[in-house]
């Protein structure tokens, strides 16, 4: 029996799950509860039910983003203290520490039980996860750098959902609260005890772990059959085939949001085709900011 029910976990094991360590945000996070003992929550309702009492029909389970980050930092306590030592810094330095977090999300494909009974849920799963890439102190001194950033060992799952990644409504319903927590954390500092001393952490989020299909989905672009073939610039298939050399990254999350507003409002009263050309294939509201990266 590998998976014990939560109430059977020993206290030492409970300390490994998010929701165990106390922490504080300064200023407090906007629209996020200040309670710190939140474990696994229902991805849809945001209700804090322990997993043991889960209704079978729960299609998504997640940690609260800030609690998951705290759990990760507490996990890395030794690395942080070692890092301070190796850079000859005071080990009671209280910060601010800047933590760079890589975010990833991908469909996990078909996860259906081939034989089994249960509620008819979509047979696909999507996982959203993050990796702590670097931790640095002032003057950009790095005290921690993930040696294997693409390894599944340092990739922390934060949300699992039984949904198809092409199902825009379900995806937005489940990920939006998570993204709201992420946005709140951008303008606040975490106060957390590391090595017996209260230290403060700032977080930088970089959404680089998305494949093209998901980038199109969360940035509001048309799907991959679109004539706008690029997620980085406005080129059409024809333009791209005639120009194989000179391209630059011109699209951005902010621009996509503006273009969505144009698409929605059609301020110049254009025909569908003209409008589509104006917004270069943005036709849904972008809800996660992604960053281009070199393929891993």
Protein backbone atom coordinates (compact mmCIF):
# COMPACT_ATOMS: atom_id res chain seq x y z
CA UNK A 1 0.00 0.00 0.00
CA UNK A 2 1.85 3.09 -1.21
CA UNK A 3 -0.89 5.71 -1.05
CA UNK A 4 -2.06 6.11 2.53
CA UNK A 5 -5.18 8.17 3.21
CA UNK A 6 -4.23 11.62 4.51
CA UNK A 7 -5.33 10.99 8.11
CA UNK A 8 -2.96 8.04 8.30
CA UNK A 9 0.10 10.11 7.42
CA UNK A 10 2.50 10.64 10.28
CA UNK A 11 3.15 14.22 11.29
CA UNK A 12 6.62 14.04 9.80
CA UNK A 13 5.02 13.20 6.47
CA UNK A 14 2.33 15.87 6.76
CA UNK A 15 5.12 18.44 6.94
CA UNK A 16 5.95 17.60 3.33
CA UNK A 17 2.54 18.64 1.99
CA UNK A 18 1.54 22.25 1.38
CA UNK A 19 -0.58 23.73 4.17
CA UNK A 20 1.67 22.72 7.05
CA UNK A 21 3.98 25.70 7.59
CA UNK A 22 2.77 29.11 8.78
CA UNK A 23 3.66 32.12 6.61
CA UNK A 24 2.53 35.66 5.91
CA UNK A 25 2.27 37.98 2.92
CA UNK A 26 3.12 41.64 3.10
CA UNK A 27 0.88 43.26 1.95
CA UNK A 28 -1.72 40.46 2.31
CA UNK A 29 -2.66 38.81 -0.98
CA UNK A 30 -5.64 40.35 -2.73
CA UNK A 31 -8.69 38.04 -2.81
CA UNK A 32 -6.70 35.15 -1.31
CA UNK A 33 -7.51 33.84 2.16
CA UNK A 34 -4.84 34.55 4.76
CA UNK A 35 -5.18 31.11 6.38
CA UNK A 36 -2.03 29.07 5.89
CA UNK A 37 -3.22 25.58 6.75
CA UNK A 38 -4.79 24.83 3.39
CA UNK A 39 -3.96 21.43 1.99
CA UNK A 40 -5.51 19.97 -1.12
CA UNK A 41 -8.52 21.91 -2.34
CA UNK A 42 -11.20 21.20 -4.90
CA UNK A 43 -9.99 22.77 -8.13
CA UNK A 44 -13.47 23.94 -9.04
CA UNK A 45 -15.10 25.10 -5.86
CA UNK A 46 -12.08 26.39 -4.05
CA UNK A 47 -13.62 24.72 -1.01
CA UNK A 48 -11.07 23.51 1.45
CA UNK A 49 -12.04 19.89 1.93
CA UNK A 50 -9.48 17.34 2.87
CA UNK A 51 -8.93 14.79 0.17
CA UNK A 52 -10.36 11.98 2.27
CA UNK A 53 -13.79 13.55 2.21
CA UNK A 54 -13.61 14.16 -1.51
CA UNK A 55 -16.70 13.58 -3.54
CA UNK A 56 -15.75 11.10 -6.22
CA UNK A 57 -16.91 13.52 -8.86
CA UNK A 58 -14.24 16.14 -8.10
CA UNK A 59 -12.70 16.73 -11.51
CA UNK A 60 -9.80 18.78 -10.23
CA UNK A 61 -7.61 18.93 -7.15
CA UNK A 62 -5.02 21.54 -6.42
CA UNK A 63 -2.90 23.28 -3.82
CA UNK A 64 -3.21 26.97 -3.19
CA UNK A 65 -0.34 28.48 -5.17
CA UNK A 66 1.24 30.40 -2.29
CA UNK A 67 1.02 27.43 0.09
CA UNK A 68 2.70 25.21 -2.52
CA UNK A 69 5.55 27.72 -2.96
CA UNK A 70 6.03 27.90 0.81
CA UNK A 71 6.18 24.12 1.02
CA UNK A 72 8.80 24.09 -1.74
CA UNK A 73 10.95 26.75 -0.04
CA UNK A 74 10.76 24.89 3.28
CA UNK A 75 11.88 21.81 1.36
CA UNK A 76 14.86 23.79 0.10
CA UNK A 77 15.78 25.18 3.52
CA UNK A 78 19.15 23.42 3.53
CA UNK A 79 19.94 24.49 -0.04
CA UNK A 80 19.22 28.12 0.87
CA UNK A 81 21.41 28.06 3.98
CA UNK A 82 24.17 26.21 2.11
CA UNK A 83 23.95 28.77 -0.70
CA UNK A 84 24.35 31.67 1.71
CA UNK A 85 27.38 29.98 3.23
CA UNK A 86 28.99 29.20 -0.13
CA UNK A 87 28.69 32.85 -1.19
CA UNK A 88 30.15 34.00 2.14
CA UNK A 89 26.96 35.80 3.09
CA UNK A 90 25.61 36.24 6.62
CA UNK A 91 23.48 33.20 7.32
CA UNK A 92 20.99 35.39 9.17
CA UNK A 93 20.49 37.60 6.10
CA UNK A 94 16.76 38.22 5.91
CA UNK A 95 16.49 39.15 2.25
CA UNK A 96 14.82 40.11 0.13
CA UNK A 97 15.39 36.86 -1.76
CA UNK A 98 14.20 36.79 -5.36
CA UNK A 99 12.80 33.45 -6.47
CA UNK A 100 12.41 32.73 -10.18
CA UNK A 101 9.64 30.24 -10.84
CA UNK A 102 9.13 28.42 -14.14
CA UNK A 103 5.52 27.51 -14.84
CA UNK A 104 4.49 24.61 -17.02
CA UNK A 105 1.22 23.15 -18.14
CA UNK A 106 0.46 20.31 -20.51
CA UNK A 107 -2.18 17.75 -21.30
CA UNK A 108 -1.34 14.29 -19.99
CA UNK A 109 -3.27 12.48 -22.68
CA UNK A 110 -5.62 9.60 -22.07
CA UNK A 111 -5.69 8.54 -18.44
CA UNK A 112 -8.84 6.44 -18.52
CA UNK A 113 -9.06 3.20 -16.61
CA UNK A 114 -9.35 0.57 -19.24
CA UNK A 115 -11.51 -1.57 -16.94
CA UNK A 116 -13.12 -0.09 -13.94
CA UNK A 117 -16.25 1.52 -12.71
CA UNK A 118 -16.64 5.09 -11.68
CA UNK A 119 -18.32 8.30 -12.65
CA UNK A 120 -18.12 9.12 -16.35
CA UNK A 121 -15.52 11.89 -16.33
CA UNK A 122 -13.55 13.15 -19.32
CA UNK A 123 -10.81 10.65 -19.90
CA UNK A 124 -8.03 13.16 -20.35
CA UNK A 125 -5.98 14.99 -17.78
CA UNK A 126 -4.11 18.29 -17.64
CA UNK A 127 -1.40 19.13 -15.14
CA UNK A 128 -0.16 22.58 -14.13
CA UNK A 129 3.16 22.64 -12.32
CA UNK A 130 6.07 24.87 -11.36
CA UNK A 131 9.82 24.59 -10.82
CA UNK A 132 11.98 26.84 -8.66
CA UNK A 133 14.78 27.78 -11.05
CA UNK A 134 16.95 30.21 -9.08
CA UNK A 135 17.04 32.05 -5.77
CA UNK A 136 19.15 35.17 -5.54
CA UNK A 137 19.82 38.00 -3.08
CA UNK A 138 20.55 41.65 -3.79
CA UNK A 139 23.10 42.50 -6.49
CA UNK A 140 21.98 39.39 -8.32
CA UNK A 141 24.05 37.01 -6.21
CA UNK A 142 22.65 33.52 -6.87
CA UNK A 143 22.49 31.32 -3.81
CA UNK A 144 20.58 28.55 -5.56
CA UNK A 145 20.35 27.38 -9.14
CA UNK A 146 18.44 24.26 -10.17
CA UNK A 147 21.00 21.92 -11.72
CA UNK A 148 18.45 19.90 -13.70
CA UNK A 149 15.62 22.32 -14.43
CA UNK A 150 13.92 19.96 -16.87
CA UNK A 151 13.91 16.98 -14.54
CA UNK A 152 10.58 15.74 -13.21
CA UNK A 153 12.20 15.62 -9.76
CA UNK A 154 12.11 19.38 -9.26
CA UNK A 155 8.82 19.91 -11.08
CA UNK A 156 6.08 20.42 -8.47
CA UNK A 157 2.53 19.64 -9.56
CA UNK A 158 0.11 22.24 -8.27
CA UNK A 159 -3.09 21.39 -10.07
CA UNK A 160 -4.44 18.23 -11.68
CA UNK A 161 -7.63 18.25 -13.67
CA UNK A 162 -9.60 15.65 -15.54
CA UNK A 163 -10.31 17.72 -18.59
CA UNK A 164 -9.31 17.97 -22.21
CA UNK A 165 -6.74 20.72 -22.79
CA UNK A 166 -8.84 21.81 -25.78
CA UNK A 167 -11.85 22.43 -23.54
CA UNK A 168 -11.42 26.16 -23.11
CA UNK A 169 -14.28 26.63 -20.63
CA UNK A 170 -13.15 23.96 -18.18
CA UNK A 171 -9.52 25.00 -18.47
CA UNK A 172 -10.28 28.66 -17.71
CA UNK A 173 -12.70 27.77 -14.91
CA UNK A 174 -10.07 25.71 -13.12
CA UNK A 175 -6.90 27.68 -13.87
CA UNK A 176 -8.26 31.22 -13.44
CA UNK A 177 -8.23 31.16 -9.60
CA UNK A 178 -4.67 29.81 -9.75
CA UNK A 179 -3.63 32.62 -12.09
CA UNK A 180 -5.37 35.15 -9.83
CA UNK A 181 -3.22 33.91 -6.94
CA UNK A 182 -0.13 34.20 -9.11
CA UNK A 183 -1.03 37.79 -10.06
CA UNK A 184 -1.56 38.68 -6.39
CA UNK A 185 1.85 37.28 -5.44
CA UNK A 186 3.64 39.46 -8.00
CA UNK A 187 3.06 42.59 -5.93
CA UNK A 188 3.63 41.21 -2.47
CA UNK A 189 6.45 39.78 -0.36
CA UNK A 190 6.38 36.46 1.44
CA UNK A 191 7.53 36.39 5.08
CA UNK A 192 8.70 32.87 5.89
CA UNK A 193 10.90 31.38 8.57
CA UNK A 194 13.96 29.69 7.07
CA UNK A 195 16.66 28.40 9.40
CA UNK A 196 14.86 29.92 12.38
CA UNK A 197 14.90 33.45 10.96
CA UNK A 198 12.03 35.31 9.33
CA UNK A 199 13.06 36.12 5.77
CA UNK A 200 11.27 37.77 2.90
CA UNK A 201 10.90 36.44 -0.61
CA UNK A 202 9.77 38.01 -3.87
CA UNK A 203 8.61 35.86 -6.75
CA UNK A 204 9.14 36.22 -10.49
CA UNK A 205 6.98 33.94 -12.63
CA UNK A 206 7.96 32.82 -16.10
CA UNK A 207 5.45 30.81 -18.10
CA UNK A 208 7.84 28.99 -20.40
CA UNK A 209 6.65 25.40 -20.02
CA UNK A 210 3.87 25.36 -22.59
CA UNK A 211 3.75 23.61 -25.94
CA UNK A 212 2.42 25.43 -29.00
CA UNK A 213 -1.06 23.97 -28.68
CA UNK A 214 -1.43 25.27 -25.15
CA UNK A 215 0.21 28.61 -25.92
CA UNK A 216 -2.44 29.17 -28.58
CA UNK A 217 -5.15 28.14 -26.16
CA UNK A 218 -4.17 30.33 -23.20
CA UNK A 219 -3.02 33.33 -25.25
CA UNK A 220 -6.32 33.53 -27.14
CA UNK A 221 -4.95 32.62 -30.58
CA UNK A 222 -6.67 30.49 -33.20
CA UNK A 223 -5.82 26.78 -33.18
CA UNK A 224 -2.90 25.33 -35.10
CA UNK A 225 -4.66 25.09 -38.47
CA UNK A 226 -4.89 28.89 -38.57
CA UNK A 227 -3.34 30.89 -41.42
CA UNK A 228 -1.58 32.85 -38.66
CA UNK A 229 0.97 30.14 -38.18
CA UNK A 230 3.21 31.75 -35.60
CA UNK A 231 2.67 32.26 -31.88
CA UNK A 232 5.55 34.76 -31.79
CA UNK A 233 4.77 37.07 -34.71
CA UNK A 234 1.95 38.03 -37.07
CA UNK A 235 3.15 36.13 -40.13
CA UNK A 236 0.63 34.23 -42.23
CA UNK A 237 1.48 30.89 -43.82
CA UNK A 238 2.08 32.59 -47.14
CA UNK A 239 4.33 35.31 -45.69
CA UNK A 240 6.30 32.76 -43.73
CA UNK A 241 6.85 30.54 -46.75
CA UNK A 242 8.19 33.48 -48.76
CA UNK A 243 10.42 34.78 -46.00
CA UNK A 244 12.41 32.08 -44.27
CA UNK A 245 14.98 34.38 -42.73
CA UNK A 246 13.88 37.63 -41.15
CA UNK A 247 11.49 37.24 -38.26
CA UNK A 248 11.27 38.89 -34.89
CA UNK A 249 9.14 38.27 -31.83
CA UNK A 250 6.34 40.82 -31.94
CA UNK A 251 3.40 39.22 -30.15
CA UNK A 252 2.94 39.77 -26.43
CA UNK A 253 0.35 38.97 -23.80
CA UNK A 254 -0.58 42.65 -23.45
CA UNK A 255 -1.00 43.06 -27.18
CA UNK A 256 -3.10 39.90 -27.34
CA UNK A 257 -5.39 41.33 -24.66
CA UNK A 258 -5.76 44.58 -26.61
CA UNK A 259 -6.44 42.68 -29.81
CA UNK A 260 -9.08 40.60 -28.08
CA UNK A 261 -10.85 43.81 -27.04
CA UNK A 262 -10.70 44.99 -30.66
CA UNK A 263 -12.07 41.64 -31.82
CA UNK A 264 -14.88 41.82 -29.26
CA UNK A 265 -15.87 45.42 -29.88
CA UNK A 266 -15.06 45.78 -33.61
CA UNK A 267 -14.56 49.57 -33.18
CA UNK A 268 -14.04 50.21 -36.91
CA UNK A 269 -17.14 48.24 -37.96
CA UNK A 270 -15.16 45.99 -40.27
CA UNK A 271 -16.24 42.77 -41.93
CA UNK A 272 -15.30 39.50 -40.27
CA UNK A 273 -12.31 38.98 -42.57
CA UNK A 274 -10.98 42.53 -42.15
CA UNK A 275 -11.38 42.30 -38.41
CA UNK A 276 -9.59 38.98 -38.30
CA UNK A 277 -6.72 40.47 -40.26
CA UNK A 278 -6.57 43.41 -37.87
CA UNK A 279 -6.26 41.20 -34.77
CA UNK A 280 -4.07 38.60 -36.55
CA UNK A 281 -6.04 35.61 -35.33
CA UNK A 282 -6.64 36.58 -31.70
CA UNK A 283 -10.21 35.50 -31.06
CA UNK A 284 -10.47 34.51 -27.40
CA UNK A 285 -9.49 36.28 -24.21
CA UNK A 286 -5.87 35.48 -23.27
CA UNK A 287 -5.75 34.38 -19.62
CA UNK A 288 -2.20 33.16 -18.96
CA UNK A 289 0.94 35.03 -19.88
CA UNK A 290 3.42 32.72 -21.61
CA UNK A 291 7.02 33.47 -22.55
CA UNK A 292 8.81 32.11 -25.59
CA UNK A 293 11.62 29.71 -24.82
CA UNK A 294 13.98 27.48 -26.72
CA UNK A 295 12.60 23.95 -26.98
CA UNK A 296 13.87 21.81 -24.15
